[in-house]
Amino acid sequence: MACSAATSVAALISSNPRACVVSKNSISSQSISLASSFSGRPFVYRVPRALSSSSSSKRRSLIVRASELPLVGNTAPDFEAEAVFDQEFIKVKLSEYTGKKYVILFFYPLDFTFVCPTEITAFSDRYEEFQKLNTEVLGVSIDSVFSHLAWVQTDRKSGGLGDLNYPLISDVTKSISKSYGVLIPDQEFDI
């Protein structure tokens, strides 16, 4: 994900109702949260940094703290929400897929923004390959279903997505995004 690696998050939810959830909030320039399943205590790991370009020969370390619960192996938070699929409004419930299919659940900030739509359309373009692997794709943003509909009704040459082979889920209440920890607390905003 070249263009929006800093803004999009993906999770692969297995057919077992457990999930491998990756959150961009677990990685920042100051700390990296690593899950420690051995105890409830935070795990601290020092990562050596490259030498600075100055003439100083001091090595700098990055302190890594894991103070949150481990994400890998936790049950994926269930949700039910409105979505746009095939130019219609539908309801999507995650629990309808878990136990039956793998699910790729990805998050992006807003429709019609500088997030790379090529990544969103690439999932659609390769949808048949995901189907062969018994995998469903679900996209989530905090935009409304009306914004999603407008974006899929705009063709790709004009900055839209065109028809997609999977649903775009609306999370206007931000409940899904919060439950997966993908919102940056200092940058939350209302639309």
N, C-alpha and C. Protein backbone atom coordinates (compact mmCIF):
# COMPACT_ATOMS: atom_id res chain seq x y z
N MET A 1 0.83 -1.18 0.00
CA MET A 1 0.00 0.00 0.00
C MET A 1 0.88 1.24 0.00
N ALA A 2 1.32 1.63 -1.13
CA ALA A 2 2.30 2.69 -1.22
C ALA A 2 1.75 4.06 -0.86
N CYS A 3 0.64 4.46 -1.40
CA CYS A 3 0.18 5.83 -1.23
C CYS A 3 -0.37 6.14 0.14
N SER A 4 -1.12 5.25 0.72
CA SER A 4 -1.78 5.60 1.98
C SER A 4 -1.37 4.70 3.13
N ALA A 5 -0.13 4.26 3.11
CA ALA A 5 0.32 3.39 4.18
C ALA A 5 0.16 4.04 5.54
N ALA A 6 0.27 5.35 5.59
CA ALA A 6 0.13 6.05 6.87
C ALA A 6 -1.33 6.26 7.25
N THR A 7 -2.23 6.10 6.31
CA THR A 7 -3.62 6.41 6.62
C THR A 7 -4.55 5.22 6.55
N SER A 8 -4.13 4.12 6.02
CA SER A 8 -5.05 2.99 5.94
C SER A 8 -4.56 1.85 6.81
N VAL A 9 -5.48 1.05 7.24
CA VAL A 9 -5.19 -0.07 8.11
C VAL A 9 -5.93 -1.27 7.57
N ALA A 10 -5.31 -2.42 7.64
CA ALA A 10 -5.99 -3.63 7.19
C ALA A 10 -5.94 -4.68 8.27
N ALA A 11 -6.95 -5.47 8.32
CA ALA A 11 -6.99 -6.59 9.26
C ALA A 11 -7.43 -7.81 8.48
N LEU A 12 -6.81 -8.93 8.77
CA LEU A 12 -7.22 -10.20 8.17
C LEU A 12 -7.89 -10.98 9.28
N ILE A 13 -9.15 -11.25 9.10
CA ILE A 13 -9.93 -11.98 10.09
C ILE A 13 -10.14 -13.37 9.55
N SER A 14 -9.69 -14.36 10.28
CA SER A 14 -9.75 -15.71 9.78
C SER A 14 -11.15 -16.29 9.92
N SER A 15 -11.34 -17.46 9.33
CA SER A 15 -12.62 -18.12 9.43
C SER A 15 -12.87 -18.58 10.86
N ASN A 16 -11.81 -18.71 11.64
CA ASN A 16 -11.94 -18.89 13.07
C ASN A 16 -12.33 -17.51 13.60
N PRO A 17 -13.25 -17.37 14.54
CA PRO A 17 -13.67 -16.04 14.95
C PRO A 17 -12.62 -15.32 15.78
N ARG A 18 -11.36 -15.55 15.52
CA ARG A 18 -10.26 -14.81 16.12
C ARG A 18 -9.67 -13.96 15.01
N ALA A 19 -8.94 -12.91 15.36
CA ALA A 19 -8.47 -12.01 14.32
C ALA A 19 -7.02 -11.64 14.51
N CYS A 20 -6.41 -11.36 13.42
CA CYS A 20 -5.11 -10.71 13.43
C CYS A 20 -5.41 -9.26 13.08
N VAL A 21 -5.36 -8.39 14.05
CA VAL A 21 -5.73 -7.00 13.85
C VAL A 21 -4.49 -6.15 13.94
N VAL A 22 -4.26 -5.33 12.94
CA VAL A 22 -3.11 -4.45 12.93
C VAL A 22 -3.61 -3.03 12.96
N SER A 23 -3.10 -2.23 13.88
CA SER A 23 -3.56 -0.85 14.02
C SER A 23 -2.40 0.09 13.80
N LYS A 24 -2.63 1.12 12.98
CA LYS A 24 -1.56 2.08 12.76
C LYS A 24 -1.27 2.87 14.02
N ASN A 25 -2.21 2.91 14.97
CA ASN A 25 -1.96 3.62 16.23
C ASN A 25 -0.93 2.89 17.07
N SER A 26 -0.66 1.61 16.76
CA SER A 26 0.33 0.89 17.53
C SER A 26 1.74 1.22 17.07
N ILE A 27 1.85 2.00 15.99
CA ILE A 27 3.16 2.39 15.51
C ILE A 27 3.22 3.89 15.38
N SER A 28 4.14 4.51 16.09
CA SER A 28 4.36 5.94 15.96
C SER A 28 5.85 6.19 15.94
N SER A 29 6.22 7.45 15.79
CA SER A 29 7.64 7.76 15.72
C SER A 29 8.31 7.62 17.07
N GLN A 30 7.56 7.56 18.16
CA GLN A 30 8.15 7.48 19.47
C GLN A 30 8.04 6.12 20.11
N SER A 31 7.03 5.36 19.79
CA SER A 31 6.90 4.05 20.41
C SER A 31 6.21 3.09 19.48
N ILE A 32 6.46 1.82 19.71
CA ILE A 32 5.80 0.77 18.96
C ILE A 32 5.21 -0.17 19.99
N SER A 33 3.91 -0.42 19.90
CA SER A 33 3.27 -1.33 20.85
C SER A 33 3.41 -2.75 20.34
N LEU A 34 4.10 -3.55 21.07
CA LEU A 34 4.24 -4.96 20.73
C LEU A 34 3.44 -5.76 21.73
N ALA A 35 2.69 -6.72 21.26
CA ALA A 35 1.86 -7.52 22.15
C ALA A 35 2.71 -8.50 22.93
N SER A 36 2.51 -8.55 24.23
CA SER A 36 3.17 -9.53 25.07
C SER A 36 2.11 -10.40 25.69
N SER A 37 2.03 -11.64 25.26
CA SER A 37 0.99 -12.52 25.77
C SER A 37 1.46 -13.26 27.02
N PHE A 38 2.67 -12.96 27.47
CA PHE A 38 3.22 -13.68 28.60
C PHE A 38 2.72 -13.14 29.93
N SER A 39 2.38 -11.88 30.01
CA SER A 39 1.91 -11.30 31.25
C SER A 39 1.09 -10.07 30.93
N GLY A 40 0.46 -9.51 31.93
CA GLY A 40 -0.32 -8.30 31.74
C GLY A 40 0.53 -7.04 31.82
N ARG A 41 1.83 -7.21 32.10
CA ARG A 41 2.72 -6.07 32.23
C ARG A 41 3.15 -5.56 30.87
N PRO A 42 3.41 -4.24 30.78
CA PRO A 42 3.92 -3.71 29.52
C PRO A 42 5.27 -4.32 29.18
N PHE A 43 5.48 -4.56 27.93
CA PHE A 43 6.73 -5.12 27.43
C PHE A 43 7.54 -3.97 26.84
N VAL A 44 8.78 -3.81 27.26
CA VAL A 44 9.62 -2.73 26.73
C VAL A 44 10.76 -3.35 25.96
N TYR A 45 10.95 -2.87 24.76
CA TYR A 45 12.01 -3.38 23.90
C TYR A 45 12.76 -2.20 23.31
N ARG A 46 14.04 -2.19 23.41
CA ARG A 46 14.83 -1.10 22.85
C ARG A 46 15.31 -1.50 21.45
N VAL A 47 14.98 -0.66 20.49
CA VAL A 47 15.36 -0.90 19.11
C VAL A 47 16.50 0.04 18.77
N PRO A 48 17.67 -0.48 18.41
CA PRO A 48 18.77 0.41 18.06
C PRO A 48 18.43 1.21 16.80
N ARG A 49 18.73 2.49 16.85
CA ARG A 49 18.53 3.35 15.70
C ARG A 49 19.85 3.53 14.97
N ALA A 50 19.76 3.91 13.74
CA ALA A 50 20.96 4.15 12.96
C ALA A 50 21.70 5.36 13.54
N LEU A 51 23.00 5.39 13.33
CA LEU A 51 23.78 6.53 13.79
C LEU A 51 23.32 7.80 13.10
N SER A 52 23.29 8.88 13.85
CA SER A 52 22.87 10.15 13.25
C SER A 52 23.94 10.65 12.30
N SER A 53 23.58 11.61 11.48
CA SER A 53 24.52 12.12 10.49
C SER A 53 25.55 13.05 11.10
N SER A 54 25.35 13.41 12.38
CA SER A 54 26.32 14.29 13.03
C SER A 54 27.57 13.51 13.36
N SER A 55 28.60 14.20 13.80
CA SER A 55 29.87 13.55 14.08
C SER A 55 29.84 12.77 15.39
N SER A 56 28.75 12.86 16.13
CA SER A 56 28.63 12.15 17.40
C SER A 56 28.57 10.64 17.14
N SER A 57 29.26 9.88 17.97
CA SER A 57 29.25 8.43 17.78
C SER A 57 28.28 7.75 18.74
N LYS A 58 27.42 8.53 19.39
CA LYS A 58 26.43 7.94 20.31
C LYS A 58 25.39 7.16 19.53
N ARG A 59 24.99 6.04 20.07
CA ARG A 59 23.87 5.27 19.49
C ARG A 59 22.61 5.71 20.20
N ARG A 60 21.56 5.89 19.47
CA ARG A 60 20.28 6.26 20.05
C ARG A 60 19.38 5.04 20.01
N SER A 61 18.54 4.92 21.02
CA SER A 61 17.60 3.80 21.08
C SER A 61 16.18 4.31 21.04
N LEU A 62 15.34 3.51 20.50
CA LEU A 62 13.91 3.78 20.47
C LEU A 62 13.27 2.85 21.48
N ILE A 63 12.54 3.40 22.42
CA ILE A 63 11.89 2.57 23.43
C ILE A 63 10.54 2.13 22.90
N VAL A 64 10.29 0.85 22.97
CA VAL A 64 9.04 0.27 22.49
C VAL A 64 8.27 -0.20 23.71
N ARG A 65 7.03 0.28 23.84
CA ARG A 65 6.20 -0.10 24.98
C ARG A 65 4.91 -0.75 24.48
N ALA A 66 4.55 -1.85 25.09
CA ALA A 66 3.29 -2.50 24.77
C ALA A 66 2.42 -2.44 26.01
N SER A 67 1.59 -1.41 26.07
CA SER A 67 0.77 -1.25 27.26
C SER A 67 -0.68 -1.64 27.00
N GLU A 68 -1.03 -1.86 25.75
CA GLU A 68 -2.38 -2.27 25.41
C GLU A 68 -2.48 -3.78 25.43
N LEU A 69 -3.70 -4.29 25.43
CA LEU A 69 -3.89 -5.73 25.34
C LEU A 69 -3.38 -6.21 24.00
N PRO A 70 -2.88 -7.42 23.94
CA PRO A 70 -2.43 -7.94 22.65
C PRO A 70 -3.58 -7.97 21.65
N LEU A 71 -3.29 -7.61 20.42
CA LEU A 71 -4.32 -7.59 19.39
C LEU A 71 -4.38 -8.92 18.64
N VAL A 72 -3.24 -9.53 18.43
CA VAL A 72 -3.20 -10.80 17.70
C VAL A 72 -3.83 -11.87 18.58
N GLY A 73 -4.80 -12.58 18.03
CA GLY A 73 -5.46 -13.64 18.76
C GLY A 73 -6.74 -13.21 19.46
N ASN A 74 -6.96 -11.90 19.58
CA ASN A 74 -8.21 -11.43 20.18
C ASN A 74 -9.36 -11.65 19.21
N THR A 75 -10.55 -11.81 19.74
CA THR A 75 -11.73 -11.92 18.91
C THR A 75 -11.98 -10.57 18.24
N ALA A 76 -12.21 -10.59 16.95
CA ALA A 76 -12.48 -9.35 16.21
C ALA A 76 -13.81 -8.77 16.67
N PRO A 77 -13.85 -7.47 16.97
CA PRO A 77 -15.11 -6.85 17.38
C PRO A 77 -16.17 -6.98 16.28
N ASP A 78 -17.33 -7.48 16.65
CA ASP A 78 -18.43 -7.61 15.68
C ASP A 78 -19.07 -6.25 15.47
N PHE A 79 -19.70 -6.08 14.34
CA PHE A 79 -20.42 -4.84 14.05
C PHE A 79 -21.51 -5.12 13.03
N GLU A 80 -22.48 -4.25 12.99
CA GLU A 80 -23.51 -4.24 11.95
C GLU A 80 -23.62 -2.80 11.50
N ALA A 81 -23.57 -2.57 10.20
CA ALA A 81 -23.58 -1.21 9.69
C ALA A 81 -24.15 -1.15 8.28
N GLU A 82 -24.51 0.05 7.87
CA GLU A 82 -24.97 0.27 6.50
C GLU A 82 -23.76 0.33 5.57
N ALA A 83 -23.97 -0.11 4.36
CA ALA A 83 -22.90 -0.10 3.38
C ALA A 83 -23.49 0.15 2.00
N VAL A 84 -22.59 0.43 1.06
CA VAL A 84 -22.98 0.56 -0.34
C VAL A 84 -22.34 -0.60 -1.09
N PHE A 85 -23.18 -1.33 -1.81
CA PHE A 85 -22.70 -2.42 -2.64
C PHE A 85 -23.61 -2.51 -3.86
N ASP A 86 -23.01 -2.57 -5.02
CA ASP A 86 -23.74 -2.66 -6.28
C ASP A 86 -24.75 -1.51 -6.41
N GLN A 87 -24.31 -0.33 -5.98
CA GLN A 87 -25.08 0.92 -6.06
C GLN A 87 -26.37 0.88 -5.24
N GLU A 88 -26.40 0.03 -4.22
CA GLU A 88 -27.55 -0.06 -3.33
C GLU A 88 -27.08 0.00 -1.88
N PHE A 89 -27.98 0.39 -0.98
CA PHE A 89 -27.68 0.41 0.44
C PHE A 89 -28.03 -0.96 1.01
N ILE A 90 -27.08 -1.55 1.74
CA ILE A 90 -27.28 -2.86 2.35
C ILE A 90 -26.81 -2.82 3.80
N LYS A 91 -27.15 -3.84 4.55
CA LYS A 91 -26.63 -4.01 5.91
C LYS A 91 -25.53 -5.06 5.86
N VAL A 92 -24.43 -4.79 6.57
CA VAL A 92 -23.33 -5.74 6.65
C VAL A 92 -23.10 -6.04 8.12
N LYS A 93 -23.00 -7.33 8.43
CA LYS A 93 -22.72 -7.76 9.79
C LYS A 93 -21.51 -8.69 9.74
N LEU A 94 -20.45 -8.32 10.45
CA LEU A 94 -19.22 -9.09 10.39
C LEU A 94 -19.43 -10.54 10.80
N SER A 95 -20.25 -10.78 11.80
CA SER A 95 -20.44 -12.16 12.29
C SER A 95 -21.07 -13.07 11.25
N GLU A 96 -21.65 -12.51 10.19
CA GLU A 96 -22.18 -13.35 9.11
C GLU A 96 -21.06 -13.98 8.28
N TYR A 97 -19.86 -13.43 8.38
CA TYR A 97 -18.72 -13.95 7.63
C TYR A 97 -17.82 -14.82 8.48
N THR A 98 -17.62 -14.43 9.75
CA THR A 98 -16.67 -15.16 10.58
C THR A 98 -17.15 -16.58 10.80
N GLY A 99 -16.22 -17.49 10.75
CA GLY A 99 -16.54 -18.91 10.86
C GLY A 99 -16.86 -19.54 9.52
N LYS A 100 -17.08 -18.71 8.48
CA LYS A 100 -17.41 -19.21 7.15
C LYS A 100 -16.37 -18.80 6.11
N LYS A 101 -15.82 -17.60 6.29
CA LYS A 101 -14.86 -17.05 5.33
C LYS A 101 -13.78 -16.28 6.06
N TYR A 102 -12.66 -16.09 5.36
CA TYR A 102 -11.68 -15.12 5.82
C TYR A 102 -12.22 -13.75 5.43
N VAL A 103 -11.83 -12.72 6.17
CA VAL A 103 -12.29 -11.37 5.86
C VAL A 103 -11.09 -10.43 5.88
N ILE A 104 -10.96 -9.66 4.82
CA ILE A 104 -10.00 -8.55 4.82
C ILE A 104 -10.82 -7.31 5.10
N LEU A 105 -10.58 -6.72 6.25
CA LEU A 105 -11.28 -5.52 6.69
C LEU A 105 -10.27 -4.39 6.65
N PHE A 106 -10.48 -3.42 5.75
CA PHE A 106 -9.53 -2.31 5.69
C PHE A 106 -10.24 -1.00 5.94
N PHE A 107 -9.49 -0.05 6.49
CA PHE A 107 -10.01 1.26 6.85
C PHE A 107 -9.29 2.32 6.02
N TYR A 108 -10.03 3.34 5.62
CA TYR A 108 -9.45 4.50 4.96
C TYR A 108 -10.15 5.74 5.50
N PRO A 109 -9.53 6.92 5.42
CA PRO A 109 -10.07 8.08 6.14
C PRO A 109 -11.41 8.60 5.62
N LEU A 110 -11.47 9.07 4.42
CA LEU A 110 -12.68 9.68 3.87
C LEU A 110 -12.75 9.46 2.37
N ASP A 111 -13.95 9.53 1.83
CA ASP A 111 -14.13 9.47 0.38
C ASP A 111 -13.67 10.79 -0.23
N PHE A 112 -13.28 10.77 -1.49
CA PHE A 112 -12.87 11.95 -2.24
C PHE A 112 -11.71 12.70 -1.59
N THR A 113 -10.83 11.99 -0.87
CA THR A 113 -9.65 12.64 -0.29
C THR A 113 -8.41 12.12 -0.98
N PHE A 114 -7.26 12.48 -0.46
CA PHE A 114 -6.01 12.12 -1.10
C PHE A 114 -5.57 10.69 -0.80
N VAL A 115 -6.42 9.91 -0.14
CA VAL A 115 -6.11 8.50 0.00
C VAL A 115 -6.04 7.93 -1.42
N CYS A 116 -5.13 7.04 -1.66
CA CYS A 116 -4.99 6.50 -3.01
C CYS A 116 -6.19 5.62 -3.37
N PRO A 117 -7.08 6.06 -4.25
CA PRO A 117 -8.18 5.19 -4.63
C PRO A 117 -7.70 3.95 -5.40
N THR A 118 -6.47 3.99 -5.91
CA THR A 118 -5.96 2.82 -6.63
C THR A 118 -5.85 1.62 -5.71
N GLU A 119 -5.59 1.83 -4.43
CA GLU A 119 -5.52 0.71 -3.48
C GLU A 119 -6.91 0.13 -3.24
N ILE A 120 -7.89 1.02 -3.14
CA ILE A 120 -9.27 0.57 -2.91
C ILE A 120 -9.78 -0.18 -4.13
N THR A 121 -9.49 0.34 -5.31
CA THR A 121 -9.94 -0.33 -6.53
C THR A 121 -9.14 -1.61 -6.81
N ALA A 122 -7.90 -1.67 -6.33
CA ALA A 122 -7.09 -2.87 -6.54
C ALA A 122 -7.71 -4.08 -5.84
N PHE A 123 -8.29 -3.87 -4.66
CA PHE A 123 -9.00 -4.97 -3.99
C PHE A 123 -10.14 -5.46 -4.87
N SER A 124 -10.85 -4.52 -5.50
CA SER A 124 -11.97 -4.89 -6.37
C SER A 124 -11.49 -5.60 -7.63
N ASP A 125 -10.41 -5.08 -8.21
CA ASP A 125 -9.87 -5.68 -9.43
C ASP A 125 -9.41 -7.12 -9.22
N ARG A 126 -8.98 -7.44 -8.01
CA ARG A 126 -8.49 -8.79 -7.71
C ARG A 126 -9.48 -9.59 -6.87
N TYR A 127 -10.72 -9.15 -6.85
CA TYR A 127 -11.75 -9.76 -6.02
C TYR A 127 -11.94 -11.25 -6.32
N GLU A 128 -11.87 -11.62 -7.58
CA GLU A 128 -12.02 -13.04 -7.94
C GLU A 128 -10.96 -13.91 -7.28
N GLU A 129 -9.74 -13.37 -7.19
CA GLU A 129 -8.66 -14.12 -6.53
C GLU A 129 -8.97 -14.32 -5.05
N PHE A 130 -9.52 -13.29 -4.41
CA PHE A 130 -9.90 -13.41 -3.00
C PHE A 130 -11.01 -14.44 -2.83
N GLN A 131 -11.97 -14.45 -3.75
CA GLN A 131 -13.07 -15.41 -3.69
C GLN A 131 -12.55 -16.84 -3.78
N LYS A 132 -11.55 -17.08 -4.62
CA LYS A 132 -10.97 -18.41 -4.74
C LYS A 132 -10.30 -18.85 -3.44
N LEU A 133 -9.89 -17.87 -2.62
CA LEU A 133 -9.27 -18.16 -1.33
C LEU A 133 -10.28 -18.11 -0.18
N ASN A 134 -11.59 -18.13 -0.53
CA ASN A 134 -12.66 -18.09 0.47
C ASN A 134 -12.54 -16.84 1.35
N THR A 135 -12.28 -15.70 0.72
CA THR A 135 -12.03 -14.46 1.44
C THR A 135 -12.96 -13.36 0.96
N GLU A 136 -13.54 -12.64 1.90
CA GLU A 136 -14.39 -11.48 1.61
C GLU A 136 -13.61 -10.21 1.91
N VAL A 137 -13.87 -9.16 1.16
CA VAL A 137 -13.23 -7.86 1.35
C VAL A 137 -14.30 -6.87 1.80
N LEU A 138 -13.98 -6.09 2.84
CA LEU A 138 -14.87 -5.05 3.34
C LEU A 138 -14.05 -3.78 3.58
N GLY A 139 -14.51 -2.66 3.01
CA GLY A 139 -13.85 -1.38 3.23
C GLY A 139 -14.68 -0.53 4.19
N VAL A 140 -14.01 0.21 5.07
CA VAL A 140 -14.71 1.02 6.08
C VAL A 140 -14.12 2.42 6.11
N SER A 141 -15.00 3.42 6.15
CA SER A 141 -14.58 4.79 6.46
C SER A 141 -15.68 5.46 7.26
N ILE A 142 -15.37 6.63 7.80
CA ILE A 142 -16.35 7.34 8.63
C ILE A 142 -17.29 8.21 7.80
N ASP A 143 -17.26 8.05 6.50
CA ASP A 143 -18.18 8.76 5.63
C ASP A 143 -19.56 8.11 5.62
N SER A 144 -20.54 8.84 5.12
CA SER A 144 -21.91 8.32 5.04
C SER A 144 -22.06 7.41 3.82
N VAL A 145 -23.15 6.64 3.82
CA VAL A 145 -23.44 5.79 2.67
C VAL A 145 -23.71 6.64 1.43
N PHE A 146 -24.20 7.86 1.63
CA PHE A 146 -24.47 8.74 0.49
C PHE A 146 -23.17 9.20 -0.17
N SER A 147 -22.16 9.46 0.65
CA SER A 147 -20.84 9.81 0.11
C SER A 147 -20.23 8.60 -0.60
N HIS A 148 -20.36 7.42 0.01
CA HIS A 148 -19.87 6.19 -0.64
C HIS A 148 -20.54 5.98 -1.99
N LEU A 149 -21.85 6.18 -2.03
CA LEU A 149 -22.60 6.00 -3.28
C LEU A 149 -22.11 6.97 -4.34
N ALA A 150 -21.92 8.23 -3.97
CA ALA A 150 -21.42 9.22 -4.93
C ALA A 150 -20.04 8.84 -5.44
N TRP A 151 -19.18 8.31 -4.55
CA TRP A 151 -17.82 7.96 -4.95
C TRP A 151 -17.80 6.77 -5.90
N VAL A 152 -18.67 5.77 -5.68
CA VAL A 152 -18.70 4.63 -6.61
C VAL A 152 -19.44 4.98 -7.90
N GLN A 153 -20.28 6.00 -7.87
CA GLN A 153 -20.96 6.43 -9.09
C GLN A 153 -20.09 7.34 -9.96
N THR A 154 -18.96 7.79 -9.41
CA THR A 154 -18.01 8.60 -10.16
C THR A 154 -16.99 7.65 -10.76
N ASP A 155 -16.75 7.76 -12.08
CA ASP A 155 -15.82 6.82 -12.70
C ASP A 155 -14.38 7.13 -12.29
N ARG A 156 -13.53 6.13 -12.47
CA ARG A 156 -12.14 6.20 -12.02
C ARG A 156 -11.37 7.34 -12.68
N LYS A 157 -11.64 7.61 -13.93
CA LYS A 157 -10.93 8.68 -14.64
C LYS A 157 -11.24 10.06 -14.07
N SER A 158 -12.38 10.16 -13.39
CA SER A 158 -12.79 11.44 -12.81
C SER A 158 -12.53 11.51 -11.31
N GLY A 159 -11.71 10.61 -10.77
CA GLY A 159 -11.36 10.63 -9.36
C GLY A 159 -12.26 9.79 -8.47
N GLY A 160 -13.14 9.01 -9.09
CA GLY A 160 -14.02 8.14 -8.32
C GLY A 160 -13.50 6.71 -8.29
N LEU A 161 -14.33 5.83 -7.79
CA LEU A 161 -13.97 4.42 -7.71
C LEU A 161 -14.60 3.58 -8.80
N GLY A 162 -15.73 4.04 -9.32
CA GLY A 162 -16.49 3.18 -10.22
C GLY A 162 -17.08 2.05 -9.40
N ASP A 163 -17.73 1.10 -10.07
CA ASP A 163 -18.32 -0.03 -9.36
C ASP A 163 -17.25 -0.87 -8.67
N LEU A 164 -17.54 -1.29 -7.46
CA LEU A 164 -16.65 -2.17 -6.70
C LEU A 164 -17.32 -3.52 -6.52
N ASN A 165 -16.51 -4.54 -6.35
CA ASN A 165 -17.02 -5.90 -6.17
C ASN A 165 -17.23 -6.26 -4.70
N TYR A 166 -17.10 -5.30 -3.81
CA TYR A 166 -17.27 -5.54 -2.38
C TYR A 166 -17.91 -4.29 -1.76
N PRO A 167 -18.48 -4.42 -0.55
CA PRO A 167 -19.16 -3.28 0.08
C PRO A 167 -18.21 -2.27 0.70
N LEU A 168 -18.63 -1.00 0.65
CA LEU A 168 -17.98 0.07 1.41
C LEU A 168 -18.90 0.37 2.59
N ILE A 169 -18.38 0.20 3.79
CA ILE A 169 -19.17 0.34 5.00
C ILE A 169 -19.07 1.75 5.55
N SER A 170 -20.21 2.28 5.97
CA SER A 170 -20.29 3.61 6.57
C SER A 170 -20.16 3.50 8.08
N ASP A 171 -19.26 4.28 8.64
CA ASP A 171 -19.04 4.29 10.09
C ASP A 171 -19.15 5.72 10.62
N VAL A 172 -20.28 6.38 10.34
CA VAL A 172 -20.43 7.79 10.74
C VAL A 172 -20.39 7.96 12.25
N THR A 173 -20.77 6.96 13.00
CA THR A 173 -20.70 7.06 14.47
C THR A 173 -19.29 6.78 14.99
N LYS A 174 -18.42 6.31 14.13
CA LYS A 174 -17.04 5.94 14.45
C LYS A 174 -16.93 4.77 15.43
N SER A 175 -18.01 4.06 15.64
CA SER A 175 -17.98 2.95 16.59
C SER A 175 -17.11 1.79 16.11
N ILE A 176 -17.15 1.49 14.82
CA ILE A 176 -16.32 0.41 14.28
C ILE A 176 -14.84 0.82 14.36
N SER A 177 -14.55 2.02 13.90
CA SER A 177 -13.17 2.52 13.91
C SER A 177 -12.60 2.56 15.32
N LYS A 178 -13.41 2.98 16.27
CA LYS A 178 -12.94 3.02 17.67
C LYS A 178 -12.71 1.61 18.20
N SER A 179 -13.60 0.68 17.88
CA SER A 179 -13.45 -0.67 18.41
C SER A 179 -12.21 -1.37 17.84
N TYR A 180 -11.77 -0.96 16.65
CA TYR A 180 -10.55 -1.51 16.06
C TYR A 180 -9.33 -0.64 16.33
N GLY A 181 -9.52 0.48 17.00
CA GLY A 181 -8.39 1.32 17.39
C GLY A 181 -7.70 2.00 16.23
N VAL A 182 -8.42 2.38 15.20
CA VAL A 182 -7.78 2.98 14.03
C VAL A 182 -7.87 4.50 13.98
N LEU A 183 -8.55 5.10 14.95
CA LEU A 183 -8.62 6.56 14.97
C LEU A 183 -7.44 7.12 15.73
N ILE A 184 -6.91 8.22 15.25
CA ILE A 184 -5.84 8.91 15.97
C ILE A 184 -6.54 9.86 16.93
N PRO A 185 -6.44 9.64 18.25
CA PRO A 185 -7.23 10.42 19.21
C PRO A 185 -7.12 11.93 19.06
N ASP A 186 -5.93 12.45 18.83
CA ASP A 186 -5.75 13.90 18.72
C ASP A 186 -6.27 14.46 17.41
N GLN A 187 -6.58 13.60 16.46
CA GLN A 187 -6.99 14.06 15.13
C GLN A 187 -8.41 13.64 14.79
N GLU A 188 -9.19 13.20 15.77
CA GLU A 188 -10.57 12.85 15.48
C GLU A 188 -11.34 14.10 15.15
N PHE A 189 -12.23 14.01 14.20
CA PHE A 189 -13.02 15.16 13.79
C PHE A 189 -14.40 14.68 13.41
N ASP A 190 -15.32 15.62 13.42
CA ASP A 190 -16.68 15.30 13.02
C ASP A 190 -16.89 15.71 11.57
N ILE A 191 -17.65 14.92 10.84
CA ILE A 191 -17.94 15.28 9.46
C ILE A 191 -19.38 15.70 9.34
